[in-house]
């Protein structure tokens, strides 16, 4: 079994709840309250800034050029590629992107999640950092693909179509697969007790992802 399969199997119960979440169901159906979506985008935009810092710390800890390039790509992907869709929507909502970091603050759920990842980036190993950041990239592709398949007949005219298409795109699939391959290569020969620790980190980050969706739907 690939290490990433091991991670997924041990977190599947949490991941199944993503697909049952009212925020994502309503997003797929095109009925989600746009104000909820706006607030979610703001928090996710702020999240991606902190997420990039975790990759940046991994750059510092990199043991070779391959790792350094990989984590550098993680920084760029977070603050350039992935934020592009956020920026498009946020501008439509009338937000001044240049002022976002100063106008808004991380809410409690966001602060807790990003603080957890940043603490691992400071005290943990390269492998532990990867286990902490992987649920975000992987689960968004997982969600995007599932939503696109389930709601393929409802996407035309759906305000949230661009969001779904971004995370279901061939480019994002390739990006996610590169991270899965990198994770497997990095972790396949680790001792079992180390793999168990990484599994626990991955599971906790996956639970934080679920809490983020709860926050997005219920408010905070």
C-alpha atoms as a PDB file:
ATOM      1  CA  UNK A   1       0.000   0.000   0.000  1.00  0.00           C
ATOM      2  CA  UNK A   2       1.269   3.446  -0.889  1.00  0.00           C
ATOM      3  CA  UNK A   3       1.859   5.699   2.092  1.00  0.00           C
ATOM      4  CA  UNK A   4      -0.705   8.203   0.810  1.00  0.00           C
ATOM      5  CA  UNK A   5      -3.287   5.393   0.555  1.00  0.00           C
ATOM      6  CA  UNK A   6      -2.526   4.590   4.185  1.00  0.00           C
ATOM      7  CA  UNK A   7      -3.100   8.238   5.115  1.00  0.00           C
ATOM      8  CA  UNK A   8      -6.381   8.392   3.219  1.00  0.00           C
ATOM      9  CA  UNK A   9      -7.755   5.123   4.609  1.00  0.00           C
ATOM     10  CA  UNK A  10      -7.133   6.315   8.149  1.00  0.00           C
ATOM     11  CA  UNK A  11      -8.871   9.640   7.477  1.00  0.00           C
ATOM     12  CA  UNK A  12     -11.659   8.450   5.175  1.00  0.00           C
ATOM     13  CA  UNK A  13     -14.385   8.907   7.793  1.00  0.00           C
ATOM     14  CA  UNK A  14     -13.512  12.608   8.016  1.00  0.00           C
ATOM     15  CA  UNK A  15     -13.155  13.029   4.258  1.00  0.00           C
ATOM     16  CA  UNK A  16     -16.585  11.474   3.676  1.00  0.00           C
ATOM     17  CA  UNK A  17     -18.036  14.248   5.826  1.00  0.00           C
ATOM     18  CA  UNK A  18     -16.642  16.877   3.454  1.00  0.00           C
ATOM     19  CA  UNK A  19     -18.943  15.616   0.716  1.00  0.00           C
ATOM     20  CA  UNK A  20     -21.949  15.648   3.051  1.00  0.00           C
ATOM     21  CA  UNK A  21     -21.299  19.189   4.225  1.00  0.00           C
ATOM     22  CA  UNK A  22     -24.128  21.674   3.533  1.00  0.00           C
ATOM     23  CA  UNK A  23     -21.660  24.383   2.485  1.00  0.00           C
ATOM     24  CA  UNK A  24     -20.313  22.190  -0.312  1.00  0.00           C
ATOM     25  CA  UNK A  25     -23.668  20.679  -1.253  1.00  0.00           C
ATOM     26  CA  UNK A  26     -25.195  24.138  -1.633  1.00  0.00           C
ATOM     27  CA  UNK A  27     -22.103  25.355  -3.471  1.00  0.00           C
ATOM     28  CA  UNK A  28     -22.489  22.497  -5.954  1.00  0.00           C
ATOM     29  CA  UNK A  29     -26.198  23.182  -6.378  1.00  0.00           C
ATOM     30  CA  UNK A  30     -25.558  26.902  -6.798  1.00  0.00           C
ATOM     31  CA  UNK A  31     -27.793  27.803  -3.849  1.00  0.00           C
ATOM     32  CA  UNK A  32     -25.148  28.778  -1.291  1.00  0.00           C
ATOM     33  CA  UNK A  33     -25.639  32.188   0.329  1.00  0.00           C
ATOM     34  CA  UNK A  34     -23.145  34.460  -1.429  1.00  0.00           C
ATOM     35  CA  UNK A  35     -22.392  36.292   1.803  1.00  0.00           C
ATOM     36  CA  UNK A  36     -21.272  33.004   3.356  1.00  0.00           C
ATOM     37  CA  UNK A  37     -19.077  32.431   0.319  1.00  0.00           C
ATOM     38  CA  UNK A  38     -17.588  35.924   0.581  1.00  0.00           C
ATOM     39  CA  UNK A  39     -16.693  35.426   4.231  1.00  0.00           C
ATOM     40  CA  UNK A  40     -15.251  32.004   3.438  1.00  0.00           C
ATOM     41  CA  UNK A  41     -13.089  33.458   0.660  1.00  0.00           C
ATOM     42  CA  UNK A  42     -11.744  36.146   2.980  1.00  0.00           C
ATOM     43  CA  UNK A  43     -10.739  33.596   5.596  1.00  0.00           C
ATOM     44  CA  UNK A  44      -9.312  31.224   2.996  1.00  0.00           C
ATOM     45  CA  UNK A  45      -7.308  34.051   1.431  1.00  0.00           C
ATOM     46  CA  UNK A  46      -5.816  34.831   4.846  1.00  0.00           C
ATOM     47  CA  UNK A  47      -5.287  31.110   5.406  1.00  0.00           C
ATOM     48  CA  UNK A  48      -3.269  30.761   2.202  1.00  0.00           C
ATOM     49  CA  UNK A  49      -0.882  33.480   3.358  1.00  0.00           C
ATOM     50  CA  UNK A  50      -0.173  31.527   6.554  1.00  0.00           C
ATOM     51  CA  UNK A  51      -0.080  28.258   4.606  1.00  0.00           C
ATOM     52  CA  UNK A  52       2.647  29.698   2.384  1.00  0.00           C
ATOM     53  CA  UNK A  53       4.696  30.491   5.488  1.00  0.00           C
ATOM     54  CA  UNK A  54       4.624  26.801   6.427  1.00  0.00           C
ATOM     55  CA  UNK A  55       6.093  25.944   3.032  1.00  0.00           C
ATOM     56  CA  UNK A  56       8.639  28.719   3.508  1.00  0.00           C
ATOM     57  CA  UNK A  57       9.825  27.154   6.761  1.00  0.00           C
ATOM     58  CA  UNK A  58      10.090  23.832   4.942  1.00  0.00           C
ATOM     59  CA  UNK A  59      12.356  25.593   2.437  1.00  0.00           C
ATOM     60  CA  UNK A  60      14.652  26.530   5.315  1.00  0.00           C
ATOM     61  CA  UNK A  61      14.712  22.911   6.509  1.00  0.00           C
ATOM     62  CA  UNK A  62      15.209  21.398   3.050  1.00  0.00           C
ATOM     63  CA  UNK A  63      18.045  18.890   2.864  1.00  0.00           C
ATOM     64  CA  UNK A  64      18.631  19.044  -0.874  1.00  0.00           C
ATOM     65  CA  UNK A  65      17.762  21.015  -3.999  1.00  0.00           C
ATOM     66  CA  UNK A  66      14.826  18.760  -4.896  1.00  0.00           C
ATOM     67  CA  UNK A  67      13.118  19.450  -1.581  1.00  0.00           C
ATOM     68  CA  UNK A  68      13.915  23.148  -1.775  1.00  0.00           C
ATOM     69  CA  UNK A  69      12.362  23.426  -5.242  1.00  0.00           C
ATOM     70  CA  UNK A  70       9.297  21.475  -4.152  1.00  0.00           C
ATOM     71  CA  UNK A  71       8.590  23.658  -1.145  1.00  0.00           C
ATOM     72  CA  UNK A  72       9.365  26.812  -3.108  1.00  0.00           C
ATOM     73  CA  UNK A  73       6.680  25.690  -5.564  1.00  0.00           C
ATOM     74  CA  UNK A  74       4.376  25.273  -2.577  1.00  0.00           C
ATOM     75  CA  UNK A  75       4.931  28.893  -1.587  1.00  0.00           C
ATOM     76  CA  UNK A  76       4.298  30.124  -5.130  1.00  0.00           C
ATOM     77  CA  UNK A  77       1.268  27.882  -5.581  1.00  0.00           C
ATOM     78  CA  UNK A  78      -0.307  29.197  -2.389  1.00  0.00           C
ATOM     79  CA  UNK A  79       0.150  32.939  -2.849  1.00  0.00           C
ATOM     80  CA  UNK A  80       0.045  33.203  -6.641  1.00  0.00           C
ATOM     81  CA  UNK A  81      -1.779  30.350  -8.365  1.00  0.00           C
ATOM     82  CA  UNK A  82      -4.410  29.410  -5.809  1.00  0.00           C
ATOM     83  CA  UNK A  83      -5.248  32.936  -4.721  1.00  0.00           C
ATOM     84  CA  UNK A  84      -6.016  33.951  -8.322  1.00  0.00           C
ATOM     85  CA  UNK A  85      -9.542  32.510  -8.183  1.00  0.00           C
ATOM     86  CA  UNK A  86     -10.103  34.009  -4.740  1.00  0.00           C
ATOM     87  CA  UNK A  87      -9.054  37.418  -6.015  1.00  0.00           C
ATOM     88  CA  UNK A  88     -11.443  37.211  -8.971  1.00  0.00           C
ATOM     89  CA  UNK A  89     -14.410  36.508  -6.707  1.00  0.00           C
ATOM     90  CA  UNK A  90     -13.345  38.972  -4.017  1.00  0.00           C
ATOM     91  CA  UNK A  91     -13.043  41.775  -6.562  1.00  0.00           C
ATOM     92  CA  UNK A  92     -16.568  40.947  -7.738  1.00  0.00           C
ATOM     93  CA  UNK A  93     -17.620  41.359  -4.118  1.00  0.00           C
ATOM     94  CA  UNK A  94     -15.999  44.800  -4.081  1.00  0.00           C
ATOM     95  CA  UNK A  95     -13.048  43.890  -1.878  1.00  0.00           C
ATOM     96  CA  UNK A  96      -9.756  45.775  -2.132  1.00  0.00           C
ATOM     97  CA  UNK A  97      -7.198  42.976  -2.393  1.00  0.00           C
ATOM     98  CA  UNK A  98      -4.288  45.204  -1.398  1.00  0.00           C
ATOM     99  CA  UNK A  99      -6.025  45.934   1.887  1.00  0.00           C
ATOM    100  CA  UNK A 100      -7.200  42.422   2.779  1.00  0.00           C
ATOM    101  CA  UNK A 101      -4.486  41.585   5.311  1.00  0.00           C
ATOM    102  CA  UNK A 102      -5.110  44.802   7.206  1.00  0.00           C
ATOM    103  CA  UNK A 103      -8.893  44.940   7.003  1.00  0.00           C
ATOM    104  CA  UNK A 104      -9.555  41.368   8.140  1.00  0.00           C
ATOM    105  CA  UNK A 105      -8.111  39.027  10.758  1.00  0.00           C
ATOM    106  CA  UNK A 106      -7.961  35.274  11.071  1.00  0.00           C
ATOM    107  CA  UNK A 107     -10.967  34.001  13.004  1.00  0.00           C
ATOM    108  CA  UNK A 108     -10.569  31.460  15.812  1.00  0.00           C
ATOM    109  CA  UNK A 109     -10.861  28.332  13.670  1.00  0.00           C
ATOM    110  CA  UNK A 110      -8.464  29.712  11.085  1.00  0.00           C
ATOM    111  CA  UNK A 111      -6.014  30.846  13.751  1.00  0.00           C
ATOM    112  CA  UNK A 112      -6.079  27.446  15.430  1.00  0.00           C
ATOM    113  CA  UNK A 113      -5.556  25.533  12.178  1.00  0.00           C
ATOM    114  CA  UNK A 114      -2.761  27.704  10.825  1.00  0.00           C
ATOM    115  CA  UNK A 115      -1.049  27.890  14.222  1.00  0.00           C
ATOM    116  CA  UNK A 116      -1.024  24.093  14.330  1.00  0.00           C
ATOM    117  CA  UNK A 117       0.675  23.870  10.942  1.00  0.00           C
ATOM    118  CA  UNK A 118       3.137  26.637  11.747  1.00  0.00           C
ATOM    119  CA  UNK A 119       4.106  24.982  15.027  1.00  0.00           C
ATOM    120  CA  UNK A 120       4.899  21.786  13.144  1.00  0.00           C
ATOM    121  CA  UNK A 121       6.898  23.767  10.600  1.00  0.00           C
ATOM    122  CA  UNK A 122       9.049  25.126  13.442  1.00  0.00           C
ATOM    123  CA  UNK A 123       9.479  22.027  15.606  1.00  0.00           C
ATOM    124  CA  UNK A 124       8.839  19.167  13.188  1.00  0.00           C
ATOM    125  CA  UNK A 125      10.667  17.304  10.468  1.00  0.00           C
ATOM    126  CA  UNK A 126      10.250  17.743   6.730  1.00  0.00           C
ATOM    127  CA  UNK A 127       8.018  14.678   6.694  1.00  0.00           C
ATOM    128  CA  UNK A 128       5.841  16.074   9.475  1.00  0.00           C
ATOM    129  CA  UNK A 129       5.431  19.360   7.617  1.00  0.00           C
ATOM    130  CA  UNK A 130       4.305  17.467   4.516  1.00  0.00           C
ATOM    131  CA  UNK A 131       1.761  15.493   6.557  1.00  0.00           C
ATOM    132  CA  UNK A 132       0.360  18.761   7.933  1.00  0.00           C
ATOM    133  CA  UNK A 133       0.001  20.604   4.608  1.00  0.00           C
ATOM    134  CA  UNK A 134      -1.116  17.711   2.409  1.00  0.00           C
ATOM    135  CA  UNK A 135      -4.793  17.516   3.493  1.00  0.00           C
ATOM    136  CA  UNK A 136      -5.467  21.016   2.173  1.00  0.00           C
ATOM    137  CA  UNK A 137      -4.126  20.472  -1.337  1.00  0.00           C
ATOM    138  CA  UNK A 138      -5.372  16.918  -1.632  1.00  0.00           C
ATOM    139  CA  UNK A 139      -8.849  17.368  -0.170  1.00  0.00           C
ATOM    140  CA  UNK A 140      -9.629  20.412  -2.311  1.00  0.00           C
ATOM    141  CA  UNK A 141      -8.919  18.382  -5.440  1.00  0.00           C
ATOM    142  CA  UNK A 142     -10.935  15.496  -3.994  1.00  0.00           C
ATOM    143  CA  UNK A 143     -13.861  17.838  -3.313  1.00  0.00           C
ATOM    144  CA  UNK A 144     -13.578  19.633  -6.649  1.00  0.00           C
ATOM    145  CA  UNK A 145     -13.655  16.399  -8.647  1.00  0.00           C
ATOM    146  CA  UNK A 146     -16.583  14.989  -6.666  1.00  0.00           C
ATOM    147  CA  UNK A 147     -18.607  18.195  -7.017  1.00  0.00           C
ATOM    148  CA  UNK A 148     -17.931  18.476 -10.733  1.00  0.00           C
ATOM    149  CA  UNK A 149     -19.076  14.911 -11.308  1.00  0.00           C
ATOM    150  CA  UNK A 150     -22.158  15.139  -9.083  1.00  0.00           C
ATOM    151  CA  UNK A 151     -23.344  18.533 -10.314  1.00  0.00           C
ATOM    152  CA  UNK A 152     -22.089  18.456 -13.909  1.00  0.00           C
ATOM    153  CA  UNK A 153     -25.595  19.173 -15.203  1.00  0.00           C
ATOM    154  CA  UNK A 154     -26.001  22.182 -12.892  1.00  0.00           C
ATOM    155  CA  UNK A 155     -22.709  23.983 -13.432  1.00  0.00           C
ATOM    156  CA  UNK A 156     -23.783  26.227 -16.293  1.00  0.00           C
ATOM    157  CA  UNK A 157     -24.857  29.490 -14.751  1.00  0.00           C
ATOM    158  CA  UNK A 158     -23.722  28.398 -11.297  1.00  0.00           C
ATOM    159  CA  UNK A 159     -22.053  31.380  -9.587  1.00  0.00           C
ATOM    160  CA  UNK A 160     -19.575  28.979  -7.996  1.00  0.00           C
ATOM    161  CA  UNK A 161     -18.631  27.154 -11.205  1.00  0.00           C
ATOM    162  CA  UNK A 162     -15.188  28.773 -11.389  1.00  0.00           C
ATOM    163  CA  UNK A 163     -14.368  27.611  -7.857  1.00  0.00           C
ATOM    164  CA  UNK A 164     -15.350  24.030  -8.689  1.00  0.00           C
ATOM    165  CA  UNK A 165     -13.525  24.069 -12.023  1.00  0.00           C
ATOM    166  CA  UNK A 166     -10.347  25.410 -10.395  1.00  0.00           C
ATOM    167  CA  UNK A 167     -10.046  22.493  -7.997  1.00  0.00           C
ATOM    168  CA  UNK A 168     -11.205  19.907 -10.536  1.00  0.00           C
ATOM    169  CA  UNK A 169      -8.923  21.151 -13.318  1.00  0.00           C
ATOM    170  CA  UNK A 170      -6.292  18.985 -14.986  1.00  0.00           C
ATOM    171  CA  UNK A 171      -3.666  21.437 -13.752  1.00  0.00           C
ATOM    172  CA  UNK A 172      -4.754  21.053 -10.145  1.00  0.00           C
ATOM    173  CA  UNK A 173      -4.956  17.266 -10.488  1.00  0.00           C
ATOM    174  CA  UNK A 174      -1.370  17.256 -11.761  1.00  0.00           C
ATOM    175  CA  UNK A 175      -0.279  19.563  -8.934  1.00  0.00           C
ATOM    176  CA  UNK A 176      -1.897  17.275  -6.355  1.00  0.00           C
ATOM    177  CA  UNK A 177      -0.441  14.138  -7.928  1.00  0.00           C
ATOM    178  CA  UNK A 178       3.042  15.630  -7.805  1.00  0.00           C
ATOM    179  CA  UNK A 179       2.598  16.168  -4.071  1.00  0.00           C
ATOM    180  CA  UNK A 180       1.328  12.621  -3.565  1.00  0.00           C
ATOM    181  CA  UNK A 181       4.322  11.230  -5.459  1.00  0.00           C
ATOM    182  CA  UNK A 182       6.682  13.427  -3.453  1.00  0.00           C
ATOM    183  CA  UNK A 183       5.074  12.296  -0.191  1.00  0.00           C
ATOM    184  CA  UNK A 184       5.323   8.620  -1.103  1.00  0.00           C
ATOM    185  CA  UNK A 185       8.943   8.965  -2.128  1.00  0.00           C
ATOM    186  CA  UNK A 186       9.735  10.831   1.071  1.00  0.00           C
ATOM    187  CA  UNK A 187       7.971   8.458   3.444  1.00  0.00           C
ATOM    188  CA  UNK A 188       7.902   4.966   1.940  1.00  0.00           C
ATOM    189  CA  UNK A 189      10.948   3.681   3.850  1.00  0.00           C
ATOM    190  CA  UNK A 190      10.282   5.316   7.200  1.00  0.00           C
ATOM    191  CA  UNK A 191       9.890   3.200  10.360  1.00  0.00           C
ATOM    192  CA  UNK A 192       6.318   2.243  11.225  1.00  0.00           C
ATOM    193  CA  UNK A 193       6.245   4.332  14.401  1.00  0.00           C
ATOM    194  CA  UNK A 194       7.205   7.400  12.357  1.00  0.00           C
ATOM    195  CA  UNK A 195       4.474   6.624   9.840  1.00  0.00           C
ATOM    196  CA  UNK A 196       1.992   6.392  12.704  1.00  0.00           C
ATOM    197  CA  UNK A 197       2.971   9.862  13.881  1.00  0.00           C
ATOM    198  CA  UNK A 198       2.585  11.251  10.369  1.00  0.00           C
ATOM    199  CA  UNK A 199      -0.813   9.565  10.103  1.00  0.00           C
ATOM    200  CA  UNK A 200      -1.925  11.334  13.279  1.00  0.00           C
ATOM    201  CA  UNK A 201      -0.757  14.714  11.955  1.00  0.00           C
ATOM    202  CA  UNK A 202      -2.546  14.134   8.648  1.00  0.00           C
ATOM    203  CA  UNK A 203      -5.733  13.131  10.461  1.00  0.00           C
ATOM    204  CA  UNK A 204      -5.656  16.176  12.714  1.00  0.00           C
ATOM    205  CA  UNK A 205      -5.146  18.513   9.754  1.00  0.00           C
ATOM    206  CA  UNK A 206      -7.998  16.738   7.940  1.00  0.00           C
ATOM    207  CA  UNK A 207     -10.241  17.403  10.946  1.00  0.00           C
ATOM    208  CA  UNK A 208      -9.212  21.052  10.854  1.00  0.00           C
ATOM    209  CA  UNK A 209     -10.313  21.138   7.213  1.00  0.00           C
ATOM    210  CA  UNK A 210     -13.742  19.917   8.303  1.00  0.00           C
ATOM    211  CA  UNK A 211     -13.866  22.559  11.028  1.00  0.00           C
ATOM    212  CA  UNK A 212     -13.027  25.178   8.399  1.00  0.00           C
ATOM    213  CA  UNK A 213     -16.099  24.134   6.388  1.00  0.00           C
ATOM    214  CA  UNK A 214     -18.189  24.252   9.575  1.00  0.00           C
ATOM    215  CA  UNK A 215     -16.921  27.760  10.264  1.00  0.00           C
ATOM    216  CA  UNK A 216     -17.650  28.816   6.685  1.00  0.00           C
ATOM    217  CA  UNK A 217     -21.256  27.646   6.908  1.00  0.00           C
ATOM    218  CA  UNK A 218     -22.206  28.530  10.471  1.00  0.00           C
ATOM    219  CA  UNK A 219     -20.115  31.663  10.861  1.00  0.00           C
ATOM    220  CA  UNK A 220     -17.882  32.636  13.730  1.00  0.00           C
END
